[in-house]
Amino acid sequence: MNYSTQTISVPKMHRPMMLTAAIIFFAFFSISPDVQAQTEPPKVEIGGHVSVLHLQGKQQIFEKTAVGGGLRGTFNLNAGLALEGEVNFYPEINSNPIIVDSKAVTGLFGVKAGWRSKKMGFFGKIRPGLLHFEEKIDPRMYLLPLPRFRKIRTLRSIWEACLSCIPPAASSAIRPGDTIIRFRYRSFLIGDRSFTNHNLQFNVGIGFRFF
């Protein structure tokens, strides 16, 4: 059994991420201490969610939409700033008929900052992390002259910049985001130069708050 393993360093921040960072910085420091004191949240938040990740390919044939689930943990430093980590699992990331047993796991950790009132909260996040996925070619395809990849395991670096809308009195939240992934190849079947692209991620879930 042959394996292909790649480890990519985290790419430089792109303009959309720099803009998101500026928005987060401005939002956090524009909150007055009085407002923060009035809307101080619980320190710990733990939740689960359904996650949809659209992997944007350089060619349409490589575009994929994966549906999975994940867990999220947040530690609120104050009303406008928090540390947050998230793990997602996608049981199928490739619908190509020659690919079987394709799955992916993402792990993200970073900073969340924004504005919170008694009725609503708006936050931006920047979180670096890793994407690990596996793809296996259908054994019946080995009758064709394809590269002898029985299974591919790949580790990629990712950045995520996202916005979230959180009703503080409720346990639900909506979190759309832009996940930036650095690829060394377009496909393991077609060796090509590396590229970085933007991928829409959308999470809907519930959470619990403590302390």
C-alpha atoms as a PDB file:
ATOM      1  CA  MET A   1       0.000   0.000   0.000  1.00  0.00           C
ATOM      2  CA  ASN A   2       1.444   3.335  -1.069  1.00  0.00           C
ATOM      3  CA  TYR A   3       0.971   6.565   0.861  1.00  0.00           C
ATOM      4  CA  SER A   4       1.504  10.155  -0.081  1.00  0.00           C
ATOM      5  CA  THR A   5       2.053  12.541   2.814  1.00  0.00           C
ATOM      6  CA  GLN A   6       2.507  16.296   2.516  1.00  0.00           C
ATOM      7  CA  THR A   7       3.149  18.872   5.208  1.00  0.00           C
ATOM      8  CA  ILE A   8       2.752  22.499   4.172  1.00  0.00           C
ATOM      9  CA  SER A   9       3.769  25.566   6.156  1.00  0.00           C
ATOM     10  CA  VAL A  10       1.088  28.124   6.990  1.00  0.00           C
ATOM     11  CA  PRO A  11       0.772  30.605   4.101  1.00  0.00           C
ATOM     12  CA  LYS A  12       1.134  34.323   4.433  1.00  0.00           C
ATOM     13  CA  MET A  13      -1.966  36.323   5.272  1.00  0.00           C
ATOM     14  CA  HIS A  14      -3.858  37.549   2.244  1.00  0.00           C
ATOM     15  CA  ARG A  15      -5.693  40.796   1.821  1.00  0.00           C
ATOM     16  CA  PRO A  16      -9.110  39.467   2.921  1.00  0.00           C
ATOM     17  CA  MET A  17      -7.566  38.158   6.131  1.00  0.00           C
ATOM     18  CA  MET A  18      -5.759  41.419   6.791  1.00  0.00           C
ATOM     19  CA  LEU A  19      -9.035  43.275   6.306  1.00  0.00           C
ATOM     20  CA  THR A  20     -10.790  40.930   8.717  1.00  0.00           C
ATOM     21  CA  ALA A  21      -8.012  41.446  11.256  1.00  0.00           C
ATOM     22  CA  ALA A  22      -8.422  45.217  10.984  1.00  0.00           C
ATOM     23  CA  ILE A  23     -12.180  44.919  11.499  1.00  0.00           C
ATOM     24  CA  ILE A  24     -11.699  42.743  14.574  1.00  0.00           C
ATOM     25  CA  PHE A  25      -9.093  45.124  16.002  1.00  0.00           C
ATOM     26  CA  PHE A  26     -11.350  48.151  15.499  1.00  0.00           C
ATOM     27  CA  ALA A  27     -14.430  46.387  16.863  1.00  0.00           C
ATOM     28  CA  PHE A  28     -12.671  45.259  20.020  1.00  0.00           C
ATOM     29  CA  PHE A  29     -11.109  48.580  20.940  1.00  0.00           C
ATOM     30  CA  SER A  30     -14.240  50.543  20.054  1.00  0.00           C
ATOM     31  CA  ILE A  31     -16.182  48.834  22.847  1.00  0.00           C
ATOM     32  CA  SER A  32     -16.276  50.981  25.967  1.00  0.00           C
ATOM     33  CA  PRO A  33     -15.610  49.405  29.400  1.00  0.00           C
ATOM     34  CA  ASP A  34     -19.140  50.319  30.524  1.00  0.00           C
ATOM     35  CA  VAL A  35     -20.729  48.382  27.669  1.00  0.00           C
ATOM     36  CA  GLN A  36     -18.453  45.416  28.269  1.00  0.00           C
ATOM     37  CA  ALA A  37     -19.376  45.349  31.952  1.00  0.00           C
ATOM     38  CA  GLN A  38     -23.101  45.374  31.159  1.00  0.00           C
ATOM     39  CA  THR A  39     -22.903  42.480  28.695  1.00  0.00           C
ATOM     40  CA  GLU A  40     -20.192  40.312  30.279  1.00  0.00           C
ATOM     41  CA  PRO A  41     -20.737  36.724  29.012  1.00  0.00           C
ATOM     42  CA  PRO A  42     -20.053  33.421  30.792  1.00  0.00           C
ATOM     43  CA  LYS A  43     -16.397  32.455  30.612  1.00  0.00           C
ATOM     44  CA  VAL A  44     -16.762  29.049  28.940  1.00  0.00           C
ATOM     45  CA  GLU A  45     -18.838  28.014  25.911  1.00  0.00           C
ATOM     46  CA  ILE A  46     -19.034  24.475  24.507  1.00  0.00           C
ATOM     47  CA  GLY A  47     -21.118  23.524  21.492  1.00  0.00           C
ATOM     48  CA  GLY A  48     -21.705  21.308  18.502  1.00  0.00           C
ATOM     49  CA  HIS A  49     -22.700  22.148  14.949  1.00  0.00           C
ATOM     50  CA  VAL A  50     -23.402  20.969  11.433  1.00  0.00           C
ATOM     51  CA  SER A  51     -20.700  22.174   9.044  1.00  0.00           C
ATOM     52  CA  VAL A  52     -20.836  22.609   5.258  1.00  0.00           C
ATOM     53  CA  LEU A  53     -17.496  23.183   3.487  1.00  0.00           C
ATOM     54  CA  HIS A  54     -17.373  23.981  -0.234  1.00  0.00           C
ATOM     55  CA  LEU A  55     -13.929  23.123  -1.583  1.00  0.00           C
ATOM     56  CA  GLN A  56     -13.254  25.438  -4.506  1.00  0.00           C
ATOM     57  CA  GLY A  57     -11.215  23.829  -7.288  1.00  0.00           C
ATOM     58  CA  LYS A  58      -9.204  25.477 -10.049  1.00  0.00           C
ATOM     59  CA  GLN A  59     -11.356  23.476 -12.435  1.00  0.00           C
ATOM     60  CA  GLN A  60     -15.033  22.637 -11.971  1.00  0.00           C
ATOM     61  CA  ILE A  61     -14.332  18.906 -11.828  1.00  0.00           C
ATOM     62  CA  PHE A  62     -12.388  19.411  -8.595  1.00  0.00           C
ATOM     63  CA  GLU A  63     -15.105  21.386  -6.785  1.00  0.00           C
ATOM     64  CA  LYS A  64     -16.623  19.517  -3.853  1.00  0.00           C
ATOM     65  CA  THR A  65     -19.167  20.254  -1.134  1.00  0.00           C
ATOM     66  CA  ALA A  66     -18.655  18.335   2.099  1.00  0.00           C
ATOM     67  CA  VAL A  67     -21.192  18.062   4.918  1.00  0.00           C
ATOM     68  CA  GLY A  68     -20.107  17.042   8.391  1.00  0.00           C
ATOM     69  CA  GLY A  69     -20.197  17.925  12.049  1.00  0.00           C
ATOM     70  CA  GLY A  70     -17.949  19.393  14.682  1.00  0.00           C
ATOM     71  CA  LEU A  71     -17.316  20.571  18.220  1.00  0.00           C
ATOM     72  CA  ARG A  72     -16.384  24.064  19.367  1.00  0.00           C
ATOM     73  CA  GLY A  73     -14.932  25.443  22.593  1.00  0.00           C
ATOM     74  CA  THR A  74     -14.652  29.121  23.570  1.00  0.00           C
ATOM     75  CA  PHE A  75     -13.011  30.919  26.486  1.00  0.00           C
ATOM     76  CA  ASN A  76     -14.281  34.495  26.811  1.00  0.00           C
ATOM     77  CA  LEU A  77     -11.608  36.891  28.073  1.00  0.00           C
ATOM     78  CA  ASN A  78     -14.192  39.699  28.204  1.00  0.00           C
ATOM     79  CA  ALA A  79     -17.328  40.817  26.354  1.00  0.00           C
ATOM     80  CA  GLY A  80     -15.453  41.573  23.145  1.00  0.00           C
ATOM     81  CA  LEU A  81     -12.508  39.151  23.015  1.00  0.00           C
ATOM     82  CA  ALA A  82     -12.260  35.360  23.225  1.00  0.00           C
ATOM     83  CA  LEU A  83     -10.053  32.388  22.386  1.00  0.00           C
ATOM     84  CA  GLU A  84     -11.773  29.698  20.331  1.00  0.00           C
ATOM     85  CA  GLY A  85     -10.968  26.256  18.980  1.00  0.00           C
ATOM     86  CA  GLU A  86     -12.940  24.033  16.633  1.00  0.00           C
ATOM     87  CA  VAL A  87     -12.683  20.494  15.242  1.00  0.00           C
ATOM     88  CA  ASN A  88     -14.743  19.297  12.248  1.00  0.00           C
ATOM     89  CA  PHE A  89     -15.157  15.883  10.639  1.00  0.00           C
ATOM     90  CA  TYR A  90     -16.419  15.383   7.077  1.00  0.00           C
ATOM     91  CA  PRO A  91     -17.233  11.722   6.253  1.00  0.00           C
ATOM     92  CA  GLU A  92     -17.166  12.301   2.482  1.00  0.00           C
ATOM     93  CA  ILE A  93     -15.292  15.063   0.659  1.00  0.00           C
ATOM     94  CA  ASN A  94     -15.081  13.645  -2.853  1.00  0.00           C
ATOM     95  CA  SER A  95     -18.064  12.471  -4.912  1.00  0.00           C
ATOM     96  CA  ASN A  96     -15.888  11.382  -7.843  1.00  0.00           C
ATOM     97  CA  PRO A  97     -16.986   7.830  -8.802  1.00  0.00           C
ATOM     98  CA  ILE A  98     -13.405   6.528  -8.860  1.00  0.00           C
ATOM     99  CA  ILE A  99     -12.814   7.692  -5.264  1.00  0.00           C
ATOM    100  CA  VAL A 100     -14.079   5.735  -2.266  1.00  0.00           C
ATOM    101  CA  ASP A 101     -13.615   6.181   1.464  1.00  0.00           C
ATOM    102  CA  SER A 102     -12.800   9.913   1.311  1.00  0.00           C
ATOM    103  CA  LYS A 103     -12.935  11.859   4.555  1.00  0.00           C
ATOM    104  CA  ALA A 104     -11.419  14.936   6.166  1.00  0.00           C
ATOM    105  CA  VAL A 105     -10.723  16.409   9.593  1.00  0.00           C
ATOM    106  CA  THR A 106     -10.023  20.092  10.269  1.00  0.00           C
ATOM    107  CA  GLY A 107      -8.696  21.672  13.443  1.00  0.00           C
ATOM    108  CA  LEU A 108      -8.696  25.443  14.028  1.00  0.00           C
ATOM    109  CA  PHE A 109      -7.653  27.668  16.926  1.00  0.00           C
ATOM    110  CA  GLY A 110      -7.534  31.447  17.122  1.00  0.00           C
ATOM    111  CA  VAL A 111      -9.010  34.721  18.311  1.00  0.00           C
ATOM    112  CA  LYS A 112     -12.616  35.932  18.212  1.00  0.00           C
ATOM    113  CA  ALA A 113     -13.408  39.618  18.719  1.00  0.00           C
ATOM    114  CA  GLY A 114     -16.374  41.881  18.141  1.00  0.00           C
ATOM    115  CA  TRP A 115     -19.401  43.567  19.655  1.00  0.00           C
ATOM    116  CA  ARG A 116     -21.952  42.132  22.072  1.00  0.00           C
ATOM    117  CA  SER A 117     -25.186  43.555  23.488  1.00  0.00           C
ATOM    118  CA  LYS A 118     -27.898  42.036  25.646  1.00  0.00           C
ATOM    119  CA  LYS A 119     -29.833  40.897  22.562  1.00  0.00           C
ATOM    120  CA  MET A 120     -27.256  40.219  19.868  1.00  0.00           C
ATOM    121  CA  GLY A 121     -23.565  39.776  19.173  1.00  0.00           C
ATOM    122  CA  PHE A 122     -21.480  40.149  16.012  1.00  0.00           C
ATOM    123  CA  PHE A 123     -17.959  38.723  15.917  1.00  0.00           C
ATOM    124  CA  GLY A 124     -15.087  38.201  13.523  1.00  0.00           C
ATOM    125  CA  LYS A 125     -12.504  35.436  13.806  1.00  0.00           C
ATOM    126  CA  ILE A 126      -9.088  34.586  12.438  1.00  0.00           C
ATOM    127  CA  ARG A 127      -7.984  31.029  13.163  1.00  0.00           C
ATOM    128  CA  PRO A 128      -5.027  29.095  11.742  1.00  0.00           C
ATOM    129  CA  GLY A 129      -5.179  25.317  11.663  1.00  0.00           C
ATOM    130  CA  LEU A 130      -4.675  22.067   9.794  1.00  0.00           C
ATOM    131  CA  LEU A 131      -6.696  20.010   7.331  1.00  0.00           C
ATOM    132  CA  HIS A 132      -6.126  16.247   7.135  1.00  0.00           C
ATOM    133  CA  PHE A 133      -7.872  14.212   4.470  1.00  0.00           C
ATOM    134  CA  GLU A 134      -7.751  10.704   3.066  1.00  0.00           C
ATOM    135  CA  GLU A 135      -8.877   9.476  -0.345  1.00  0.00           C
ATOM    136  CA  LYS A 136      -8.826   5.932  -1.671  1.00  0.00           C
ATOM    137  CA  ILE A 137      -9.175   4.893  -5.307  1.00  0.00           C
ATOM    138  CA  ASP A 138     -11.771   2.224  -6.055  1.00  0.00           C
ATOM    139  CA  PRO A 139      -9.749  -1.029  -6.407  1.00  0.00           C
ATOM    140  CA  ARG A 140     -11.638  -1.851  -9.607  1.00  0.00           C
ATOM    141  CA  MET A 141      -9.972   1.146 -11.267  1.00  0.00           C
ATOM    142  CA  TYR A 142      -6.541  -0.504 -11.121  1.00  0.00           C
ATOM    143  CA  LEU A 143      -7.351  -2.181 -14.407  1.00  0.00           C
ATOM    144  CA  LEU A 144      -6.780   1.264 -15.923  1.00  0.00           C
ATOM    145  CA  PRO A 145      -3.318   2.869 -16.356  1.00  0.00           C
ATOM    146  CA  LEU A 146      -3.672   5.167 -13.333  1.00  0.00           C
ATOM    147  CA  PRO A 147      -0.965   6.127 -10.824  1.00  0.00           C
ATOM    148  CA  ARG A 148      -0.596   3.498  -8.119  1.00  0.00           C
ATOM    149  CA  PHE A 149      -2.102   5.534  -5.315  1.00  0.00           C
ATOM    150  CA  ARG A 150      -4.218   3.180  -3.229  1.00  0.00           C
ATOM    151  CA  LYS A 151      -4.636   5.712  -0.486  1.00  0.00           C
ATOM    152  CA  ILE A 152      -3.558   9.296  -0.092  1.00  0.00           C
ATOM    153  CA  ARG A 153      -3.158  10.995   3.265  1.00  0.00           C
ATOM    154  CA  THR A 154      -2.495  14.687   3.168  1.00  0.00           C
ATOM    155  CA  LEU A 155      -1.894  17.331   5.823  1.00  0.00           C
ATOM    156  CA  ARG A 156      -2.468  20.917   4.710  1.00  0.00           C
ATOM    157  CA  SER A 157      -2.245  24.236   6.477  1.00  0.00           C
ATOM    158  CA  ILE A 158      -5.360  26.401   6.511  1.00  0.00           C
ATOM    159  CA  TRP A 159      -6.523  29.812   7.673  1.00  0.00           C
ATOM    160  CA  GLU A 160     -10.103  30.720   8.419  1.00  0.00           C
ATOM    161  CA  ALA A 161     -11.604  34.203   8.577  1.00  0.00           C
ATOM    162  CA  CYS A 162     -15.272  34.261   9.482  1.00  0.00           C
ATOM    163  CA  LEU A 163     -18.132  36.256  10.943  1.00  0.00           C
ATOM    164  CA  SER A 164     -20.736  35.024  13.417  1.00  0.00           C
ATOM    165  CA  CYS A 165     -24.089  36.224  14.657  1.00  0.00           C
ATOM    166  CA  ILE A 166     -24.892  35.087  18.202  1.00  0.00           C
ATOM    167  CA  PRO A 167     -28.079  35.821  20.179  1.00  0.00           C
ATOM    168  CA  PRO A 168     -26.692  35.846  23.750  1.00  0.00           C
ATOM    169  CA  ALA A 169     -29.975  34.724  25.308  1.00  0.00           C
ATOM    170  CA  ALA A 170     -30.244  31.712  22.990  1.00  0.00           C
ATOM    171  CA  SER A 171     -28.162  28.577  22.537  1.00  0.00           C
ATOM    172  CA  SER A 172     -27.970  28.709  18.719  1.00  0.00           C
ATOM    173  CA  ALA A 173     -25.565  30.505  16.399  1.00  0.00           C
ATOM    174  CA  ILE A 174     -24.938  31.007  12.673  1.00  0.00           C
ATOM    175  CA  ARG A 175     -21.310  31.154  11.518  1.00  0.00           C
ATOM    176  CA  PRO A 176     -20.405  31.676   7.836  1.00  0.00           C
ATOM    177  CA  GLY A 177     -16.688  31.735   7.082  1.00  0.00           C
ATOM    178  CA  ASP A 178     -13.937  31.770   4.467  1.00  0.00           C
ATOM    179  CA  THR A 179     -11.460  28.902   4.822  1.00  0.00           C
ATOM    180  CA  ILE A 180      -8.168  29.536   2.995  1.00  0.00           C
ATOM    181  CA  ILE A 181      -6.322  26.335   2.045  1.00  0.00           C
ATOM    182  CA  ARG A 182      -2.833  25.938   0.594  1.00  0.00           C
ATOM    183  CA  PHE A 183      -2.641  23.058  -1.910  1.00  0.00           C
ATOM    184  CA  ARG A 184       0.635  21.652  -3.185  1.00  0.00           C
ATOM    185  CA  TYR A 185      -1.104  19.978  -6.134  1.00  0.00           C
ATOM    186  CA  ARG A 186      -4.446  20.468  -7.869  1.00  0.00           C
ATOM    187  CA  SER A 187      -5.006  16.717  -7.706  1.00  0.00           C
ATOM    188  CA  PHE A 188      -3.004  13.645  -6.804  1.00  0.00           C
ATOM    189  CA  LEU A 189      -3.887  12.309 -10.274  1.00  0.00           C
ATOM    190  CA  ILE A 190      -2.584  15.410 -12.051  1.00  0.00           C
ATOM    191  CA  GLY A 191       0.700  16.791 -10.815  1.00  0.00           C
ATOM    192  CA  ASP A 192       0.517  20.575 -11.033  1.00  0.00           C
ATOM    193  CA  ARG A 193       1.910  23.617  -9.305  1.00  0.00           C
ATOM    194  CA  SER A 194       0.719  24.651  -5.864  1.00  0.00           C
ATOM    195  CA  PHE A 195      -2.024  27.195  -5.296  1.00  0.00           C
ATOM    196  CA  THR A 196      -4.026  28.851  -2.519  1.00  0.00           C
ATOM    197  CA  ASN A 197      -7.789  29.241  -2.705  1.00  0.00           C
ATOM    198  CA  HIS A 198     -10.810  30.423  -0.715  1.00  0.00           C
ATOM    199  CA  ASN A 199     -13.501  27.980   0.406  1.00  0.00           C
ATOM    200  CA  LEU A 200     -16.882  28.861   1.900  1.00  0.00           C
ATOM    201  CA  GLN A 201     -17.644  27.214   5.238  1.00  0.00           C
ATOM    202  CA  PHE A 202     -21.022  27.520   6.947  1.00  0.00           C
ATOM    203  CA  ASN A 203     -21.761  26.256  10.475  1.00  0.00           C
ATOM    204  CA  VAL A 204     -25.120  26.094  12.266  1.00  0.00           C
ATOM    205  CA  GLY A 205     -25.163  24.768  15.807  1.00  0.00           C
ATOM    206  CA  ILE A 206     -26.065  24.975  19.461  1.00  0.00           C
ATOM    207  CA  GLY A 207     -23.964  25.642  22.531  1.00  0.00           C
ATOM    208  CA  PHE A 208     -23.927  25.734  26.307  1.00  0.00           C
ATOM    209  CA  ARG A 209     -22.419  28.419  28.536  1.00  0.00           C
ATOM    210  CA  PHE A 210     -20.889  27.968  31.962  1.00  0.00           C
ATOM    211  CA  PHE A 211     -19.430  30.037  34.784  1.00  0.00           C
END
